[in-house]
Amino acid sequence: MAATVYRVVQEGLTNVRKHARPSAVELHVVATPGYVTVTVTNDAAPAEGAPQTPGASSSAGSYGLVGLRERAEALGGGLEAGPP
């Protein structure tokens, strides 16, 4: 679980850096017994034409949202991504 949380945080911050020009980014990790919630938000408006749901591809060397969703589901969890 710890490795999955690490990768979710890493990929969330990487996505902000690659796809947004925010003036602020917030990262929240909340752990309770048997359950962890990671939230990464930024204040940038979605780019025009940007997908509203995670894409199916990932960059070489990156896990991408699809890979993170698969990791979360393997642990009985899930992943939501897109504009608020």
Protein backbone atom coordinates (compact mmCIF):
# COMPACT_ATOMS: atom_id res chain seq x y z
CA MET A 1 0.00 0.00 0.00
CA ALA A 2 2.82 2.41 0.83
CA ALA A 3 4.36 2.01 -2.63
CA THR A 4 0.99 2.68 -4.28
CA VAL A 5 0.43 5.81 -2.18
CA TYR A 6 3.93 7.00 -3.10
CA ARG A 7 3.28 6.45 -6.83
CA VAL A 8 -0.11 8.20 -6.67
CA VAL A 9 1.47 11.26 -5.06
CA GLN A 10 4.37 11.17 -7.53
CA GLU A 11 2.16 10.84 -10.60
CA GLY A 12 -0.36 13.41 -9.33
CA LEU A 13 2.35 16.03 -8.89
CA THR A 14 3.96 15.06 -12.20
CA ASN A 15 0.63 15.51 -13.99
CA VAL A 16 0.19 18.97 -12.49
CA ARG A 17 3.69 19.93 -13.65
CA LYS A 18 3.14 18.54 -17.16
CA HIS A 19 -0.45 19.56 -17.84
CA ALA A 20 -1.28 22.66 -15.79
CA ARG A 21 0.11 26.08 -15.00
CA PRO A 22 -1.30 26.52 -11.50
CA SER A 23 -0.40 29.18 -9.03
CA ALA A 24 -1.11 26.74 -6.20
CA VAL A 25 -1.11 22.97 -5.71
CA GLU A 26 -2.53 21.17 -2.67
CA LEU A 27 -1.63 17.65 -1.61
CA HIS A 28 -3.53 15.84 1.15
CA VAL A 29 -2.79 12.33 2.38
CA VAL A 30 -5.18 11.00 5.02
CA ALA A 31 -4.57 7.59 6.54
CA THR A 32 -6.97 5.69 8.74
CA PRO A 33 -6.72 2.01 9.69
CA GLY A 34 -6.91 0.07 6.42
CA TYR A 35 -7.71 3.08 4.23
CA VAL A 36 -5.71 5.91 2.63
CA THR A 37 -7.02 8.87 0.64
CA VAL A 38 -4.68 10.94 -1.54
CA THR A 39 -5.98 14.19 -3.02
CA VAL A 40 -3.97 16.37 -5.41
CA THR A 41 -5.63 19.58 -6.58
CA ASN A 42 -4.49 22.68 -8.40
CA ASP A 43 -6.10 26.00 -9.24
CA ALA A 44 -5.43 25.93 -13.00
CA ALA A 45 -8.38 25.86 -15.39
CA PRO A 46 -8.55 22.71 -17.56
CA ALA A 47 -6.88 23.22 -20.92
CA GLU A 48 -9.29 23.61 -23.82
CA GLY A 49 -9.77 20.23 -25.45
CA ALA A 50 -8.29 18.40 -22.46
CA PRO A 51 -9.89 15.04 -21.76
CA GLN A 52 -12.42 15.05 -18.94
CA THR A 53 -11.47 11.53 -17.90
CA PRO A 54 -8.08 9.84 -17.65
CA GLY A 55 -6.51 8.79 -20.94
CA ALA A 56 -5.41 5.28 -21.73
CA SER A 57 -1.80 6.09 -22.47
CA SER A 58 1.14 6.87 -20.27
CA SER A 59 4.54 8.32 -21.02
CA ALA A 60 7.54 6.03 -21.16
CA GLY A 61 8.85 5.62 -17.62
CA SER A 62 5.64 6.99 -16.11
CA TYR A 63 2.77 5.09 -14.55
CA GLY A 64 0.00 7.29 -15.89
CA LEU A 65 -3.49 7.46 -14.49
CA VAL A 66 -4.50 4.12 -15.97
CA GLY A 67 -1.63 2.35 -14.24
CA LEU A 68 -2.43 4.09 -10.97
CA ARG A 69 -6.08 3.08 -11.24
CA GLU A 70 -5.02 -0.53 -11.78
CA ARG A 71 -2.71 -0.40 -8.75
CA ALA A 72 -5.46 1.09 -6.57
CA GLU A 73 -8.04 -1.46 -7.74
CA ALA A 74 -5.61 -4.30 -7.02
CA LEU A 75 -5.69 -3.15 -3.39
CA GLY A 76 -9.49 -2.88 -3.32
CA GLY A 77 -9.50 0.89 -3.91
CA GLY A 78 -10.13 3.23 -6.78
CA LEU A 79 -8.98 6.41 -8.48
CA GLU A 80 -10.87 9.46 -9.68
CA ALA A 81 -9.25 12.08 -11.89
CA GLY A 82 -10.40 15.07 -13.89
CA PRO A 83 -11.55 18.62 -13.38
CA PRO A 84 -13.44 19.38 -10.18
